Amino acid sequence: MENISIYNVSELDVAEVLPYVLAFRRLLFPMLDPNKIPQDLQDFEAVFLQNHTGTFLQARNEEGALVGVIGMMEYDYRFPHLNIDVQQTVEVARLFVDPDYRRTGLGSLLFEQLMQIAKQKQIERLYLHTHPFLTGAYEFWLKQGFRLLDYCDESGFPTMHMELMVSELPVINQLQDNILSKELFLMP
């Protein structure tokens, strides 16, 4: 994996990024009504680009093709059974990596860049949920440092709720090493 650029999605990118995200969502969740668009995607710019805790990153190959995305948004405390206090918490969402770029480390690089932004924004906790039918997702998030909070049924789906306290992570210097050794270019 060479010459991958990872940078923030801007308002100019939304017209390409949003359909990419929606297509991935349809592929991974064929059981969901594709006409019911989640609120965060309906309000993409307000949630990810204009909110001070929001961020959405894109990865592009050397030809400029979109090959991966990840976002974080203000957590809305919609799962009252979880013991998540009012610390500065964001929800990690929409990590999608093109099939041709899976198992190359791109997902980890996207998450590492997101972590750097979370630290800059003084985020204390990252929350996410995933599902066992998303092959490898739970194991991926465990490798990133997340821990399981709860495993339960949410709206008919087995769901794994996970968290990562930013202060519990060691300083991530590996990202810079990866950039130099793999000739990746990360842009602001």
N, C-alpha and C. Protein backbone atom coordinates (compact mmCIF):
# COMPACT_ATOMS: atom_id res chain seq x y z
N MET A 1 0.85 -1.17 0.00
CA MET A 1 0.00 0.00 0.00
C MET A 1 0.90 1.23 0.00
N GLU A 2 0.96 1.87 -1.13
CA GLU A 2 1.80 3.06 -1.25
C GLU A 2 0.98 4.23 -1.76
N ASN A 3 1.47 5.42 -1.43
CA ASN A 3 0.88 6.65 -1.93
C ASN A 3 -0.60 6.80 -1.62
N ILE A 4 -0.97 6.49 -0.40
CA ILE A 4 -2.34 6.71 0.07
C ILE A 4 -2.36 8.02 0.82
N SER A 5 -3.30 8.88 0.50
CA SER A 5 -3.48 10.15 1.19
C SER A 5 -4.71 10.04 2.08
N ILE A 6 -4.56 10.48 3.32
CA ILE A 6 -5.68 10.50 4.27
C ILE A 6 -5.85 11.94 4.72
N TYR A 7 -7.05 12.45 4.54
CA TYR A 7 -7.31 13.82 4.96
C TYR A 7 -8.79 14.03 5.23
N ASN A 8 -9.08 15.17 5.85
CA ASN A 8 -10.46 15.51 6.23
C ASN A 8 -11.34 15.67 5.00
N VAL A 9 -12.58 15.22 5.14
CA VAL A 9 -13.59 15.48 4.13
C VAL A 9 -14.00 16.94 4.27
N SER A 10 -14.07 17.65 3.17
CA SER A 10 -14.54 19.04 3.18
C SER A 10 -15.93 19.08 2.55
N GLU A 11 -16.54 20.23 2.61
CA GLU A 11 -17.87 20.39 2.00
C GLU A 11 -17.83 20.05 0.52
N LEU A 12 -16.71 20.31 -0.14
CA LEU A 12 -16.58 20.01 -1.57
C LEU A 12 -16.55 18.50 -1.84
N ASP A 13 -16.14 17.71 -0.85
CA ASP A 13 -16.02 16.26 -1.01
C ASP A 13 -17.31 15.50 -0.74
N VAL A 14 -18.27 16.14 -0.08
CA VAL A 14 -19.47 15.44 0.38
C VAL A 14 -20.23 14.78 -0.77
N ALA A 15 -20.31 15.44 -1.91
CA ALA A 15 -21.06 14.90 -3.05
C ALA A 15 -20.50 13.55 -3.53
N GLU A 16 -19.23 13.28 -3.28
CA GLU A 16 -18.64 11.99 -3.64
C GLU A 16 -18.60 11.04 -2.44
N VAL A 17 -18.29 11.55 -1.29
CA VAL A 17 -18.11 10.71 -0.11
C VAL A 17 -19.43 10.13 0.38
N LEU A 18 -20.47 10.92 0.43
CA LEU A 18 -21.75 10.44 0.96
C LEU A 18 -22.32 9.27 0.15
N PRO A 19 -22.35 9.33 -1.18
CA PRO A 19 -22.82 8.15 -1.94
C PRO A 19 -21.93 6.91 -1.71
N TYR A 20 -20.63 7.12 -1.53
CA TYR A 20 -19.70 6.02 -1.23
C TYR A 20 -20.11 5.34 0.08
N VAL A 21 -20.38 6.15 1.10
CA VAL A 21 -20.77 5.63 2.41
C VAL A 21 -22.11 4.90 2.31
N LEU A 22 -23.07 5.50 1.62
CA LEU A 22 -24.38 4.87 1.48
C LEU A 22 -24.30 3.54 0.73
N ALA A 23 -23.45 3.48 -0.30
CA ALA A 23 -23.28 2.23 -1.05
C ALA A 23 -22.68 1.14 -0.15
N PHE A 24 -21.68 1.50 0.66
CA PHE A 24 -21.08 0.53 1.58
C PHE A 24 -22.10 0.06 2.60
N ARG A 25 -22.90 0.98 3.09
CA ARG A 25 -23.93 0.64 4.07
C ARG A 25 -24.92 -0.37 3.48
N ARG A 26 -25.34 -0.14 2.24
CA ARG A 26 -26.25 -1.09 1.58
C ARG A 26 -25.62 -2.46 1.42
N LEU A 27 -24.33 -2.48 1.11
CA LEU A 27 -23.61 -3.73 0.93
C LEU A 27 -23.48 -4.51 2.24
N LEU A 28 -23.12 -3.82 3.31
CA LEU A 28 -22.90 -4.48 4.59
C LEU A 28 -24.18 -4.77 5.37
N PHE A 29 -25.22 -4.01 5.09
CA PHE A 29 -26.49 -4.16 5.81
C PHE A 29 -27.63 -4.32 4.81
N PRO A 30 -27.63 -5.40 4.03
CA PRO A 30 -28.68 -5.56 3.01
C PRO A 30 -30.07 -5.75 3.62
N MET A 31 -30.11 -6.08 4.89
CA MET A 31 -31.40 -6.29 5.56
C MET A 31 -32.10 -4.98 5.94
N LEU A 32 -31.38 -3.86 5.85
CA LEU A 32 -31.96 -2.57 6.20
C LEU A 32 -32.60 -1.92 4.97
N ASP A 33 -33.62 -1.16 5.21
CA ASP A 33 -34.29 -0.42 4.13
C ASP A 33 -33.34 0.65 3.61
N PRO A 34 -32.91 0.55 2.34
CA PRO A 34 -31.95 1.53 1.81
C PRO A 34 -32.53 2.94 1.68
N ASN A 35 -33.85 3.05 1.78
CA ASN A 35 -34.48 4.36 1.69
C ASN A 35 -34.53 5.08 3.04
N LYS A 36 -34.25 4.35 4.12
CA LYS A 36 -34.19 4.97 5.45
C LYS A 36 -32.73 5.32 5.74
N ILE A 37 -32.41 6.55 5.56
CA ILE A 37 -31.03 7.00 5.74
C ILE A 37 -30.86 7.45 7.19
N PRO A 38 -29.82 6.94 7.88
CA PRO A 38 -29.59 7.34 9.27
C PRO A 38 -29.42 8.86 9.40
N GLN A 39 -29.80 9.36 10.56
CA GLN A 39 -29.79 10.80 10.80
C GLN A 39 -28.41 11.42 10.60
N ASP A 40 -27.34 10.71 11.03
CA ASP A 40 -26.00 11.28 10.87
C ASP A 40 -25.65 11.48 9.40
N LEU A 41 -26.16 10.62 8.53
CA LEU A 41 -25.87 10.76 7.11
C LEU A 41 -26.80 11.78 6.45
N GLN A 42 -28.03 11.90 6.95
CA GLN A 42 -28.93 12.94 6.45
C GLN A 42 -28.36 14.32 6.73
N ASP A 43 -27.77 14.47 7.91
CA ASP A 43 -27.22 15.75 8.35
C ASP A 43 -25.69 15.71 8.32
N PHE A 44 -25.12 15.10 7.31
CA PHE A 44 -23.69 14.81 7.24
C PHE A 44 -22.83 16.03 7.58
N GLU A 45 -23.07 17.15 6.92
CA GLU A 45 -22.22 18.32 7.13
C GLU A 45 -22.33 18.85 8.56
N ALA A 46 -23.53 18.93 9.09
CA ALA A 46 -23.72 19.43 10.45
C ALA A 46 -23.09 18.50 11.48
N VAL A 47 -23.22 17.19 11.29
CA VAL A 47 -22.73 16.21 12.25
C VAL A 47 -21.22 16.05 12.19
N PHE A 48 -20.68 15.91 11.00
CA PHE A 48 -19.26 15.56 10.85
C PHE A 48 -18.35 16.75 10.53
N LEU A 49 -18.87 17.77 9.86
CA LEU A 49 -17.99 18.85 9.41
C LEU A 49 -18.13 20.12 10.23
N GLN A 50 -19.32 20.39 10.76
CA GLN A 50 -19.55 21.66 11.45
C GLN A 50 -19.57 21.52 12.96
N ASN A 51 -19.77 20.33 13.49
CA ASN A 51 -19.77 20.12 14.94
C ASN A 51 -18.32 20.04 15.42
N HIS A 52 -18.01 20.69 16.53
CA HIS A 52 -16.61 20.76 16.99
C HIS A 52 -16.02 19.39 17.34
N THR A 53 -16.85 18.40 17.67
CA THR A 53 -16.31 17.06 17.96
C THR A 53 -16.37 16.13 16.75
N GLY A 54 -16.99 16.57 15.68
CA GLY A 54 -17.13 15.73 14.50
C GLY A 54 -15.92 15.79 13.58
N THR A 55 -15.70 14.71 12.89
CA THR A 55 -14.64 14.61 11.88
C THR A 55 -15.01 13.48 10.94
N PHE A 56 -14.68 13.62 9.68
CA PHE A 56 -14.83 12.52 8.74
C PHE A 56 -13.60 12.53 7.85
N LEU A 57 -12.91 11.39 7.82
CA LEU A 57 -11.67 11.27 7.05
C LEU A 57 -11.90 10.42 5.81
N GLN A 58 -11.13 10.72 4.79
CA GLN A 58 -11.17 9.94 3.55
C GLN A 58 -9.75 9.50 3.20
N ALA A 59 -9.67 8.33 2.59
CA ALA A 59 -8.39 7.83 2.09
C ALA A 59 -8.51 7.71 0.57
N ARG A 60 -7.50 8.18 -0.12
CA ARG A 60 -7.50 8.13 -1.58
C ARG A 60 -6.18 7.54 -2.06
N ASN A 61 -6.28 6.76 -3.13
CA ASN A 61 -5.07 6.18 -3.72
C ASN A 61 -4.39 7.22 -4.61
N GLU A 62 -3.29 6.83 -5.23
CA GLU A 62 -2.52 7.80 -6.01
C GLU A 62 -3.26 8.31 -7.24
N GLU A 63 -4.29 7.57 -7.69
CA GLU A 63 -5.12 8.04 -8.80
C GLU A 63 -6.24 8.97 -8.32
N GLY A 64 -6.35 9.13 -7.01
CA GLY A 64 -7.38 9.99 -6.45
C GLY A 64 -8.70 9.28 -6.16
N ALA A 65 -8.72 7.97 -6.34
CA ALA A 65 -9.95 7.21 -6.07
C ALA A 65 -10.15 7.05 -4.57
N LEU A 66 -11.38 7.19 -4.14
CA LEU A 66 -11.75 7.02 -2.74
C LEU A 66 -11.66 5.54 -2.39
N VAL A 67 -10.85 5.18 -1.37
CA VAL A 67 -10.65 3.77 -1.02
C VAL A 67 -10.96 3.47 0.44
N GLY A 68 -11.34 4.47 1.23
CA GLY A 68 -11.69 4.23 2.63
C GLY A 68 -12.15 5.49 3.32
N VAL A 69 -12.95 5.31 4.36
CA VAL A 69 -13.45 6.43 5.15
C VAL A 69 -13.60 6.01 6.61
N ILE A 70 -13.64 7.00 7.48
CA ILE A 70 -13.96 6.79 8.90
C ILE A 70 -14.43 8.14 9.45
N GLY A 71 -15.33 8.08 10.43
CA GLY A 71 -15.82 9.31 11.02
C GLY A 71 -15.96 9.19 12.52
N MET A 72 -16.12 10.34 13.15
CA MET A 72 -16.49 10.38 14.56
C MET A 72 -17.46 11.54 14.73
N MET A 73 -18.41 11.33 15.64
CA MET A 73 -19.44 12.32 15.88
C MET A 73 -19.76 12.36 17.36
N GLU A 74 -20.35 13.45 17.78
CA GLU A 74 -20.73 13.57 19.17
C GLU A 74 -21.66 12.42 19.55
N TYR A 75 -21.35 11.77 20.67
CA TYR A 75 -22.19 10.65 21.12
C TYR A 75 -23.50 11.19 21.67
N ASP A 76 -24.62 10.55 21.31
CA ASP A 76 -25.94 11.07 21.68
C ASP A 76 -26.59 10.34 22.86
N TYR A 77 -25.89 9.43 23.51
CA TYR A 77 -26.38 8.73 24.71
C TYR A 77 -27.72 8.02 24.46
N ARG A 78 -27.88 7.46 23.25
CA ARG A 78 -29.14 6.80 22.89
C ARG A 78 -29.27 5.39 23.44
N PHE A 79 -28.23 4.89 24.08
CA PHE A 79 -28.28 3.57 24.71
C PHE A 79 -28.21 3.75 26.22
N PRO A 80 -29.35 4.00 26.87
CA PRO A 80 -29.34 4.33 28.30
C PRO A 80 -28.85 3.19 29.20
N HIS A 81 -28.85 1.96 28.71
CA HIS A 81 -28.39 0.83 29.52
C HIS A 81 -26.86 0.76 29.61
N LEU A 82 -26.16 1.55 28.80
CA LEU A 82 -24.70 1.57 28.87
C LEU A 82 -24.26 2.54 29.96
N ASN A 83 -23.20 2.19 30.64
CA ASN A 83 -22.67 3.03 31.71
C ASN A 83 -21.64 3.99 31.12
N ILE A 84 -22.13 4.94 30.35
CA ILE A 84 -21.25 5.95 29.75
C ILE A 84 -21.61 7.28 30.39
N ASP A 85 -20.66 7.83 31.16
CA ASP A 85 -20.93 9.09 31.84
C ASP A 85 -20.77 10.26 30.87
N VAL A 86 -20.78 11.44 31.41
CA VAL A 86 -20.81 12.63 30.55
C VAL A 86 -19.42 13.16 30.19
N GLN A 87 -18.44 12.29 30.18
CA GLN A 87 -17.12 12.72 29.71
C GLN A 87 -17.24 13.10 28.24
N GLN A 88 -16.23 13.78 27.75
CA GLN A 88 -16.21 14.17 26.33
C GLN A 88 -16.12 12.90 25.49
N THR A 89 -17.27 12.42 25.01
CA THR A 89 -17.37 11.14 24.31
C THR A 89 -17.82 11.37 22.87
N VAL A 90 -17.16 10.68 21.96
CA VAL A 90 -17.58 10.67 20.56
C VAL A 90 -17.84 9.23 20.14
N GLU A 91 -18.62 9.09 19.09
CA GLU A 91 -18.90 7.78 18.52
C GLU A 91 -18.11 7.63 17.24
N VAL A 92 -17.35 6.56 17.15
CA VAL A 92 -16.62 6.24 15.92
C VAL A 92 -17.61 5.52 15.01
N ALA A 93 -17.68 5.97 13.78
CA ALA A 93 -18.68 5.43 12.87
C ALA A 93 -18.16 5.38 11.44
N ARG A 94 -18.76 4.48 10.69
CA ARG A 94 -18.60 4.43 9.23
C ARG A 94 -17.18 4.14 8.77
N LEU A 95 -16.51 3.20 9.43
CA LEU A 95 -15.22 2.75 8.89
C LEU A 95 -15.50 1.79 7.76
N PHE A 96 -15.22 2.23 6.55
CA PHE A 96 -15.40 1.40 5.36
C PHE A 96 -14.11 1.44 4.56
N VAL A 97 -13.62 0.27 4.19
CA VAL A 97 -12.40 0.17 3.39
C VAL A 97 -12.71 -0.68 2.17
N ASP A 98 -12.36 -0.17 1.00
CA ASP A 98 -12.56 -0.91 -0.25
C ASP A 98 -12.00 -2.32 -0.14
N PRO A 99 -12.68 -3.31 -0.69
CA PRO A 99 -12.20 -4.70 -0.61
C PRO A 99 -10.75 -4.87 -1.09
N ASP A 100 -10.35 -4.14 -2.12
CA ASP A 100 -8.98 -4.26 -2.63
C ASP A 100 -7.92 -3.75 -1.66
N TYR A 101 -8.34 -2.98 -0.66
CA TYR A 101 -7.40 -2.38 0.29
C TYR A 101 -7.52 -2.97 1.68
N ARG A 102 -8.36 -3.98 1.84
CA ARG A 102 -8.49 -4.63 3.14
C ARG A 102 -7.25 -5.48 3.42
N ARG A 103 -6.94 -5.61 4.68
CA ARG A 103 -5.79 -6.37 5.16
C ARG A 103 -4.45 -5.77 4.68
N THR A 104 -4.48 -4.47 4.40
CA THR A 104 -3.25 -3.77 4.03
C THR A 104 -2.80 -2.82 5.14
N GLY A 105 -3.63 -2.66 6.17
CA GLY A 105 -3.33 -1.72 7.24
C GLY A 105 -4.04 -0.39 7.07
N LEU A 106 -4.80 -0.23 6.01
CA LEU A 106 -5.47 1.04 5.77
C LEU A 106 -6.49 1.37 6.86
N GLY A 107 -7.26 0.39 7.30
CA GLY A 107 -8.22 0.63 8.37
C GLY A 107 -7.53 1.13 9.63
N SER A 108 -6.42 0.51 9.97
CA SER A 108 -5.66 0.94 11.15
C SER A 108 -5.11 2.35 10.97
N LEU A 109 -4.63 2.67 9.78
CA LEU A 109 -4.12 4.02 9.52
C LEU A 109 -5.23 5.06 9.61
N LEU A 110 -6.39 4.74 9.07
CA LEU A 110 -7.52 5.67 9.20
C LEU A 110 -7.86 5.89 10.67
N PHE A 111 -7.90 4.81 11.44
CA PHE A 111 -8.22 4.95 12.86
C PHE A 111 -7.13 5.71 13.60
N GLU A 112 -5.87 5.45 13.31
CA GLU A 112 -4.78 6.18 13.97
C GLU A 112 -4.86 7.68 13.70
N GLN A 113 -5.19 8.03 12.47
CA GLN A 113 -5.33 9.46 12.14
C GLN A 113 -6.52 10.06 12.89
N LEU A 114 -7.61 9.30 12.99
CA LEU A 114 -8.77 9.75 13.74
C LEU A 114 -8.41 9.95 15.21
N MET A 115 -7.61 9.04 15.76
CA MET A 115 -7.16 9.16 17.16
C MET A 115 -6.36 10.44 17.38
N GLN A 116 -5.52 10.77 16.44
CA GLN A 116 -4.73 12.00 16.57
C GLN A 116 -5.65 13.22 16.64
N ILE A 117 -6.69 13.22 15.81
CA ILE A 117 -7.64 14.32 15.82
C ILE A 117 -8.42 14.33 17.13
N ALA A 118 -8.82 13.16 17.62
CA ALA A 118 -9.54 13.07 18.89
C ALA A 118 -8.69 13.65 20.02
N LYS A 119 -7.40 13.35 20.02
CA LYS A 119 -6.51 13.90 21.05
C LYS A 119 -6.43 15.42 20.94
N GLN A 120 -6.32 15.93 19.72
CA GLN A 120 -6.27 17.38 19.51
C GLN A 120 -7.55 18.05 20.01
N LYS A 121 -8.67 17.37 19.84
CA LYS A 121 -9.97 17.92 20.26
C LYS A 121 -10.28 17.61 21.73
N GLN A 122 -9.32 17.01 22.41
CA GLN A 122 -9.43 16.67 23.83
C GLN A 122 -10.62 15.75 24.12
N ILE A 123 -10.83 14.80 23.23
CA ILE A 123 -11.85 13.77 23.41
C ILE A 123 -11.33 12.81 24.48
N GLU A 124 -12.18 12.41 25.39
CA GLU A 124 -11.78 11.50 26.46
C GLU A 124 -12.13 10.05 26.18
N ARG A 125 -13.26 9.82 25.52
CA ARG A 125 -13.72 8.45 25.28
C ARG A 125 -14.20 8.31 23.84
N LEU A 126 -13.83 7.17 23.24
CA LEU A 126 -14.37 6.78 21.95
C LEU A 126 -15.34 5.63 22.19
N TYR A 127 -16.51 5.74 21.66
CA TYR A 127 -17.52 4.69 21.75
C TYR A 127 -17.80 4.21 20.33
N LEU A 128 -18.13 2.93 20.19
CA LEU A 128 -18.63 2.41 18.92
C LEU A 128 -19.44 1.16 19.20
N HIS A 129 -20.20 0.76 18.22
CA HIS A 129 -20.85 -0.55 18.30
C HIS A 129 -20.66 -1.24 16.96
N THR A 130 -20.61 -2.56 17.04
CA THR A 130 -20.45 -3.37 15.85
C THR A 130 -21.32 -4.62 16.02
N HIS A 131 -21.31 -5.44 15.00
CA HIS A 131 -22.17 -6.62 14.98
C HIS A 131 -21.36 -7.85 14.59
N PRO A 132 -21.71 -9.03 15.13
CA PRO A 132 -20.94 -10.24 14.83
C PRO A 132 -21.00 -10.66 13.36
N PHE A 133 -22.02 -10.23 12.63
CA PHE A 133 -22.08 -10.61 11.21
C PHE A 133 -21.14 -9.78 10.34
N LEU A 134 -20.51 -8.77 10.90
CA LEU A 134 -19.48 -8.01 10.18
C LEU A 134 -18.14 -8.70 10.45
N THR A 135 -17.79 -9.59 9.58
CA THR A 135 -16.63 -10.46 9.77
C THR A 135 -15.36 -9.68 10.09
N GLY A 136 -14.76 -10.02 11.21
CA GLY A 136 -13.49 -9.44 11.62
C GLY A 136 -13.58 -8.09 12.30
N ALA A 137 -14.76 -7.47 12.34
CA ALA A 137 -14.88 -6.12 12.91
C ALA A 137 -14.56 -6.10 14.40
N TYR A 138 -15.12 -7.01 15.15
CA TYR A 138 -14.89 -7.04 16.60
C TYR A 138 -13.40 -7.22 16.90
N GLU A 139 -12.78 -8.16 16.23
CA GLU A 139 -11.34 -8.42 16.43
C GLU A 139 -10.50 -7.20 16.04
N PHE A 140 -10.89 -6.53 14.95
CA PHE A 140 -10.18 -5.33 14.52
C PHE A 140 -10.21 -4.27 15.63
N TRP A 141 -11.39 -4.03 16.19
CA TRP A 141 -11.51 -2.99 17.20
C TRP A 141 -10.79 -3.37 18.49
N LEU A 142 -10.78 -4.66 18.83
CA LEU A 142 -9.99 -5.09 19.99
C LEU A 142 -8.52 -4.76 19.78
N LYS A 143 -8.01 -5.00 18.57
CA LYS A 143 -6.60 -4.71 18.26
C LYS A 143 -6.30 -3.22 18.33
N GLN A 144 -7.31 -2.39 18.14
CA GLN A 144 -7.11 -0.93 18.21
C GLN A 144 -7.14 -0.44 19.65
N GLY A 145 -7.47 -1.33 20.60
CA GLY A 145 -7.47 -0.96 22.01
C GLY A 145 -8.85 -0.84 22.65
N PHE A 146 -9.91 -1.08 21.89
CA PHE A 146 -11.26 -1.00 22.46
C PHE A 146 -11.52 -2.19 23.36
N ARG A 147 -12.44 -1.99 24.32
CA ARG A 147 -12.88 -3.08 25.18
C ARG A 147 -14.40 -3.19 25.08
N LEU A 148 -14.89 -4.40 25.31
CA LEU A 148 -16.31 -4.68 25.24
C LEU A 148 -17.02 -4.12 26.47
N LEU A 149 -18.06 -3.33 26.24
CA LEU A 149 -18.90 -2.81 27.32
C LEU A 149 -20.12 -3.71 27.54
N ASP A 150 -20.73 -4.13 26.44
CA ASP A 150 -21.96 -4.90 26.54
C ASP A 150 -22.19 -5.63 25.22
N TYR A 151 -22.79 -6.80 25.33
CA TYR A 151 -23.20 -7.59 24.17
C TYR A 151 -24.68 -7.85 24.36
N CYS A 152 -25.50 -7.30 23.48
CA CYS A 152 -26.95 -7.42 23.66
C CYS A 152 -27.65 -7.29 22.32
N ASP A 153 -28.95 -7.41 22.37
CA ASP A 153 -29.77 -7.24 21.18
C ASP A 153 -30.21 -5.78 21.10
N GLU A 154 -29.99 -5.17 19.95
CA GLU A 154 -30.45 -3.79 19.71
C GLU A 154 -31.27 -3.81 18.43
N SER A 155 -32.56 -3.57 18.55
CA SER A 155 -33.47 -3.50 17.40
C SER A 155 -33.39 -4.75 16.53
N GLY A 156 -33.25 -5.91 17.17
CA GLY A 156 -33.22 -7.16 16.42
C GLY A 156 -31.85 -7.59 15.93
N PHE A 157 -30.80 -6.86 16.27
CA PHE A 157 -29.44 -7.19 15.84
C PHE A 157 -28.57 -7.48 17.06
N PRO A 158 -27.83 -8.59 17.06
CA PRO A 158 -26.83 -8.76 18.12
C PRO A 158 -25.79 -7.65 17.97
N THR A 159 -25.52 -6.98 19.08
CA THR A 159 -24.69 -5.77 19.03
C THR A 159 -23.64 -5.81 20.12
N MET A 160 -22.42 -5.45 19.75
CA MET A 160 -21.31 -5.35 20.68
C MET A 160 -20.99 -3.86 20.86
N HIS A 161 -21.22 -3.36 22.07
CA HIS A 161 -20.90 -1.97 22.41
C HIS A 161 -19.48 -1.96 22.96
N MET A 162 -18.66 -1.02 22.47
CA MET A 162 -17.26 -0.99 22.84
C MET A 162 -16.83 0.44 23.17
N GLU A 163 -15.76 0.56 23.99
CA GLU A 163 -15.22 1.88 24.30
C GLU A 163 -13.70 1.83 24.37
N LEU A 164 -13.13 3.00 24.21
CA LEU A 164 -11.70 3.19 24.35
C LEU A 164 -11.49 4.53 25.03
N MET A 165 -10.82 4.51 26.18
CA MET A 165 -10.48 5.75 26.87
C MET A 165 -9.18 6.26 26.26
N VAL A 166 -9.21 7.45 25.72
CA VAL A 166 -8.06 7.99 25.00
C VAL A 166 -6.84 8.07 25.90
N SER A 167 -7.02 8.40 27.17
CA SER A 167 -5.89 8.53 28.09
C SER A 167 -5.21 7.20 28.38
N GLU A 168 -5.88 6.08 28.11
CA GLU A 168 -5.30 4.77 28.38
C GLU A 168 -4.41 4.27 27.26
N LEU A 169 -4.42 4.95 26.14
CA LEU A 169 -3.58 4.53 25.02
C LEU A 169 -2.18 5.09 25.14
N PRO A 170 -1.18 4.29 24.78
CA PRO A 170 0.17 4.85 24.73
C PRO A 170 0.24 5.85 23.58
N VAL A 171 1.20 6.75 23.65
CA VAL A 171 1.37 7.73 22.58
C VAL A 171 1.62 6.98 21.28
N ILE A 172 0.91 7.38 20.25
CA ILE A 172 1.01 6.67 18.96
C ILE A 172 2.10 7.32 18.12
N ASN A 173 3.28 6.72 18.17
CA ASN A 173 4.37 7.16 17.30
C ASN A 173 4.46 6.27 16.08
N GLN A 174 3.79 5.13 16.14
CA GLN A 174 3.86 4.17 15.05
C GLN A 174 3.31 4.76 13.75
N LEU A 175 2.34 5.67 13.85
CA LEU A 175 1.77 6.29 12.66
C LEU A 175 2.86 6.98 11.85
N GLN A 176 3.70 7.77 12.52
CA GLN A 176 4.76 8.46 11.81
C GLN A 176 5.74 7.47 11.19
N ASP A 177 6.05 6.38 11.91
CA ASP A 177 6.93 5.36 11.36
C ASP A 177 6.31 4.73 10.12
N ASN A 178 5.01 4.44 10.18
CA ASN A 178 4.32 3.86 9.03
C ASN A 178 4.35 4.79 7.84
N ILE A 179 4.18 6.08 8.10
CA ILE A 179 4.17 7.04 7.01
C ILE A 179 5.52 7.04 6.31
N LEU A 180 6.58 7.07 7.08
CA LEU A 180 7.89 7.10 6.47
C LEU A 180 8.24 5.80 5.78
N SER A 181 7.93 4.68 6.43
CA SER A 181 8.33 3.40 5.85
C SER A 181 7.47 2.98 4.69
N LYS A 182 6.24 3.43 4.64
CA LYS A 182 5.35 3.02 3.56
C LYS A 182 5.10 4.14 2.57
N GLU A 183 5.78 5.24 2.75
CA GLU A 183 5.67 6.40 1.87
C GLU A 183 4.23 6.88 1.74
N LEU A 184 3.54 6.93 2.87
CA LEU A 184 2.18 7.46 2.88
C LEU A 184 2.26 8.96 3.08
N PHE A 185 1.30 9.66 2.56
CA PHE A 185 1.25 11.09 2.70
C PHE A 185 -0.05 11.46 3.36
N LEU A 186 0.02 11.96 4.60
CA LEU A 186 -1.17 12.40 5.32
C LEU A 186 -1.26 13.90 5.21
N MET A 187 -2.38 14.37 4.78
CA MET A 187 -2.58 15.80 4.60
C MET A 187 -3.58 16.29 5.64
N PRO A 188 -3.46 17.56 6.08
CA PRO A 188 -4.39 18.09 7.09
C PRO A 188 -5.82 18.14 6.57
